[in-house]
């Protein structure tokens, strides 16, 4: 009986550890703003939405699908001329799960932009992608970032539906270590005789 209770306690501990380190993902959609073109940041200034900050290299503005002829999900989008740097508002790491990117002018030639992930643990990865007048969904491994940068030589990127998690969240190493410790404890309990059983 004692062993059974200890097994339940170990399993409950594992679930609690994994759940405690798992933050709920948030999505930034820019839907809290008026459905019209609105300048939100001059070059070098920051604009915040949904817990993230956007620092543009050029002008940044929000636009509705009925105002401009650019890429659209049918909702408001953020347009960043010459790119932007995305960070967590107030600082600290965040995990970027996915982002919708497109070219802000429909019918224009495909634009090449650079996407740079600056990791919280150091180092960075940069890739060059091509944007057209249809949104593409870019997904990423759940690695904590200090910032995510979109860069271009004058091309304006349309940004929408950013899915992210605040903080670093549990790493796969922590999760697997918890699982190993729990099952090792269960194995040790199985190997030991139950005192209650010995007295009956």
Protein backbone atom coordinates (compact mmCIF):
# COMPACT_ATOMS: atom_id res chain seq x y z
CA UNK A 1 0.00 0.00 0.00
CA UNK A 2 2.85 2.38 0.90
CA UNK A 3 4.54 1.71 -2.42
CA UNK A 4 1.33 2.41 -4.31
CA UNK A 5 0.93 5.76 -2.56
CA UNK A 6 4.54 6.67 -3.30
CA UNK A 7 4.12 5.81 -6.98
CA UNK A 8 1.07 8.06 -7.20
CA UNK A 9 2.97 10.85 -5.46
CA UNK A 10 5.92 10.54 -7.87
CA UNK A 11 3.68 10.64 -10.92
CA UNK A 12 1.79 13.64 -9.52
CA UNK A 13 5.12 15.41 -8.95
CA UNK A 14 6.17 14.80 -12.55
CA UNK A 15 2.91 16.19 -13.91
CA UNK A 16 3.17 19.22 -11.64
CA UNK A 17 6.76 19.96 -12.68
CA UNK A 18 5.96 19.77 -16.38
CA UNK A 19 2.78 21.82 -16.03
CA UNK A 20 4.43 24.46 -13.87
CA UNK A 21 7.04 25.19 -16.52
CA UNK A 22 4.60 25.32 -19.40
CA UNK A 23 3.31 28.81 -20.22
CA UNK A 24 0.22 29.39 -22.30
CA UNK A 25 0.94 30.59 -25.84
CA UNK A 26 -0.33 34.02 -26.85
CA UNK A 27 -1.16 35.41 -30.29
CA UNK A 28 -0.61 38.97 -31.48
CA UNK A 29 -3.16 39.83 -34.19
CA UNK A 30 -3.27 43.68 -34.07
CA UNK A 31 -7.07 43.49 -33.87
CA UNK A 32 -7.36 45.97 -31.01
CA UNK A 33 -6.79 48.93 -33.29
CA UNK A 34 -9.01 50.99 -35.57
CA UNK A 35 -9.50 49.50 -39.07
CA UNK A 36 -7.57 52.19 -40.91
CA UNK A 37 -4.01 53.04 -41.80
CA UNK A 38 -2.32 54.43 -38.69
CA UNK A 39 1.32 55.34 -38.14
CA UNK A 40 2.48 53.71 -34.90
CA UNK A 41 6.24 54.32 -34.86
CA UNK A 42 8.78 56.54 -36.59
CA UNK A 43 12.24 55.17 -37.53
CA UNK A 44 14.01 53.84 -34.45
CA UNK A 45 10.92 54.07 -32.27
CA UNK A 46 9.09 51.16 -30.68
CA UNK A 47 5.46 50.07 -30.82
CA UNK A 48 4.01 47.52 -28.39
CA UNK A 49 1.15 45.07 -28.92
CA UNK A 50 0.14 41.89 -27.12
CA UNK A 51 3.19 41.75 -24.89
CA UNK A 52 5.75 42.26 -27.68
CA UNK A 53 7.68 45.34 -28.77
CA UNK A 54 8.46 46.22 -32.38
CA UNK A 55 11.40 48.55 -33.05
CA UNK A 56 11.47 49.58 -36.69
CA UNK A 57 14.38 50.59 -38.87
CA UNK A 58 11.93 52.78 -40.77
CA UNK A 59 8.28 53.74 -40.37
CA UNK A 60 5.81 51.19 -38.98
CA UNK A 61 2.07 51.41 -39.41
CA UNK A 62 -1.07 49.36 -38.93
CA UNK A 63 -3.33 48.89 -41.89
CA UNK A 64 -6.66 47.24 -42.62
CA UNK A 65 -7.35 45.07 -45.68
CA UNK A 66 -9.87 47.58 -47.05
CA UNK A 67 -7.32 50.42 -47.01
CA UNK A 68 -4.25 49.04 -48.75
CA UNK A 69 -3.82 46.52 -51.53
CA UNK A 70 -1.13 44.51 -49.80
CA UNK A 71 -0.99 41.03 -48.37
CA UNK A 72 -3.97 40.36 -46.15
CA UNK A 73 -5.41 37.72 -43.85
CA UNK A 74 -8.65 39.68 -43.95
CA UNK A 75 -7.67 41.51 -40.75
CA UNK A 76 -5.41 44.33 -39.59
CA UNK A 77 -1.68 43.82 -40.08
CA UNK A 78 1.52 45.58 -39.08
CA UNK A 79 3.61 46.89 -41.96
CA UNK A 80 7.29 47.45 -41.22
CA UNK A 81 9.29 49.34 -43.82
CA UNK A 82 12.87 48.00 -44.00
CA UNK A 83 12.14 45.50 -41.24
CA UNK A 84 11.75 45.49 -37.49
CA UNK A 85 13.18 43.92 -34.33
CA UNK A 86 10.72 42.01 -32.13
CA UNK A 87 11.40 41.67 -28.41
CA UNK A 88 9.40 40.90 -25.29
CA UNK A 89 7.92 44.05 -23.78
CA UNK A 90 9.84 44.85 -20.63
CA UNK A 91 12.71 42.59 -21.64
CA UNK A 92 13.48 38.95 -21.01
CA UNK A 93 13.36 35.82 -23.19
CA UNK A 94 10.40 34.60 -25.20
CA UNK A 95 9.71 31.60 -27.43
CA UNK A 96 8.52 32.38 -30.96
CA UNK A 97 6.37 29.56 -32.33
CA UNK A 98 5.15 31.04 -35.61
CA UNK A 99 4.62 34.26 -37.55
CA UNK A 100 2.75 35.21 -40.73
CA UNK A 101 4.81 37.25 -43.19
CA UNK A 102 4.04 38.67 -46.62
CA UNK A 103 4.83 41.53 -48.95
CA UNK A 104 2.91 44.69 -48.20
CA UNK A 105 2.23 45.66 -51.83
CA UNK A 106 0.14 43.26 -53.88
CA UNK A 107 1.52 42.55 -57.33
CA UNK A 108 5.03 43.75 -56.54
CA UNK A 109 8.04 41.59 -57.29
CA UNK A 110 8.84 39.06 -54.53
CA UNK A 111 10.95 40.65 -51.81
CA UNK A 112 13.84 38.98 -50.04
CA UNK A 113 14.11 39.56 -46.31
CA UNK A 114 16.42 38.18 -43.64
CA UNK A 115 15.03 36.51 -40.53
CA UNK A 116 17.41 36.43 -37.57
CA UNK A 117 16.77 34.58 -34.33
CA UNK A 118 18.99 35.84 -31.50
CA UNK A 119 19.01 33.09 -28.89
CA UNK A 120 18.77 33.80 -25.17
CA UNK A 121 21.58 31.31 -24.58
CA UNK A 122 23.87 33.05 -27.06
CA UNK A 123 24.39 32.82 -30.81
CA UNK A 124 22.02 33.47 -33.67
CA UNK A 125 20.67 31.94 -36.87
CA UNK A 126 19.89 33.95 -40.00
CA UNK A 127 17.98 32.82 -43.07
CA UNK A 128 16.94 34.62 -46.24
CA UNK A 129 13.34 34.10 -47.37
CA UNK A 130 11.24 35.39 -50.23
CA UNK A 131 7.92 37.13 -49.53
CA UNK A 132 5.11 37.48 -52.05
CA UNK A 133 1.62 39.00 -51.96
CA UNK A 134 0.30 35.94 -50.10
CA UNK A 135 1.05 35.34 -46.45
CA UNK A 136 3.44 32.54 -45.50
CA UNK A 137 3.41 30.95 -42.06
CA UNK A 138 6.93 30.53 -40.67
CA UNK A 139 7.31 28.11 -37.75
CA UNK A 140 10.31 27.71 -35.45
CA UNK A 141 11.73 25.33 -32.88
CA UNK A 142 10.71 26.28 -29.31
CA UNK A 143 14.06 27.82 -28.36
CA UNK A 144 14.14 30.91 -26.08
CA UNK A 145 15.02 34.14 -27.91
CA UNK A 146 16.19 37.59 -26.90
CA UNK A 147 14.93 39.03 -30.18
CA UNK A 148 13.64 38.18 -33.63
CA UNK A 149 14.72 40.48 -36.45
CA UNK A 150 13.18 41.02 -39.87
CA UNK A 151 15.53 42.90 -42.16
CA UNK A 152 15.37 44.12 -45.74
CA UNK A 153 16.84 46.71 -48.08
CA UNK A 154 13.78 48.88 -48.37
CA UNK A 155 11.09 46.21 -48.84
CA UNK A 156 8.13 46.52 -46.47
CA UNK A 157 7.00 43.35 -44.73
CA UNK A 158 3.42 42.70 -43.64
CA UNK A 159 3.29 40.97 -40.23
CA UNK A 160 0.37 39.18 -38.59
CA UNK A 161 -0.63 36.35 -36.22
CA UNK A 162 2.49 36.07 -34.08
CA UNK A 163 2.27 33.06 -31.75
CA UNK A 164 4.70 33.12 -28.84
CA UNK A 165 5.24 32.10 -25.23
CA UNK A 166 6.59 34.45 -22.58
CA UNK A 167 9.70 33.26 -20.75
CA UNK A 168 11.85 30.32 -21.68
CA UNK A 169 9.34 27.55 -20.84
CA UNK A 170 10.46 24.02 -20.02
CA UNK A 171 13.25 22.64 -22.16
CA UNK A 172 13.04 19.10 -23.49
CA UNK A 173 16.08 18.27 -21.31
CA UNK A 174 14.20 19.26 -18.14
CA UNK A 175 11.13 17.28 -19.15
CA UNK A 176 13.13 14.13 -19.93
CA UNK A 177 15.18 14.49 -16.75
CA UNK A 178 11.94 14.66 -14.73
CA UNK A 179 10.58 11.56 -16.45
CA UNK A 180 13.81 9.62 -15.85
CA UNK A 181 13.90 10.55 -12.15
CA UNK A 182 10.27 9.55 -11.63
CA UNK A 183 10.55 6.18 -13.33
CA UNK A 184 13.85 5.47 -11.57
CA UNK A 185 12.06 6.10 -8.27
CA UNK A 186 9.25 3.74 -9.27
CA UNK A 187 11.78 1.04 -10.21
CA UNK A 188 13.54 1.43 -6.84
CA UNK A 189 10.21 1.06 -5.05
CA UNK A 190 9.47 -2.11 -7.00
CA UNK A 191 12.83 -3.53 -5.98
CA UNK A 192 12.22 -2.92 -2.26
CA UNK A 193 9.92 -5.20 -0.24
CA UNK A 194 6.74 -3.62 1.09
CA UNK A 195 6.94 -3.61 4.94
CA UNK A 196 3.16 -3.79 5.21
CA UNK A 197 3.07 -6.92 3.05
CA UNK A 198 5.77 -8.59 5.20
CA UNK A 199 3.71 -8.27 8.41
CA UNK A 200 0.56 -9.89 7.00
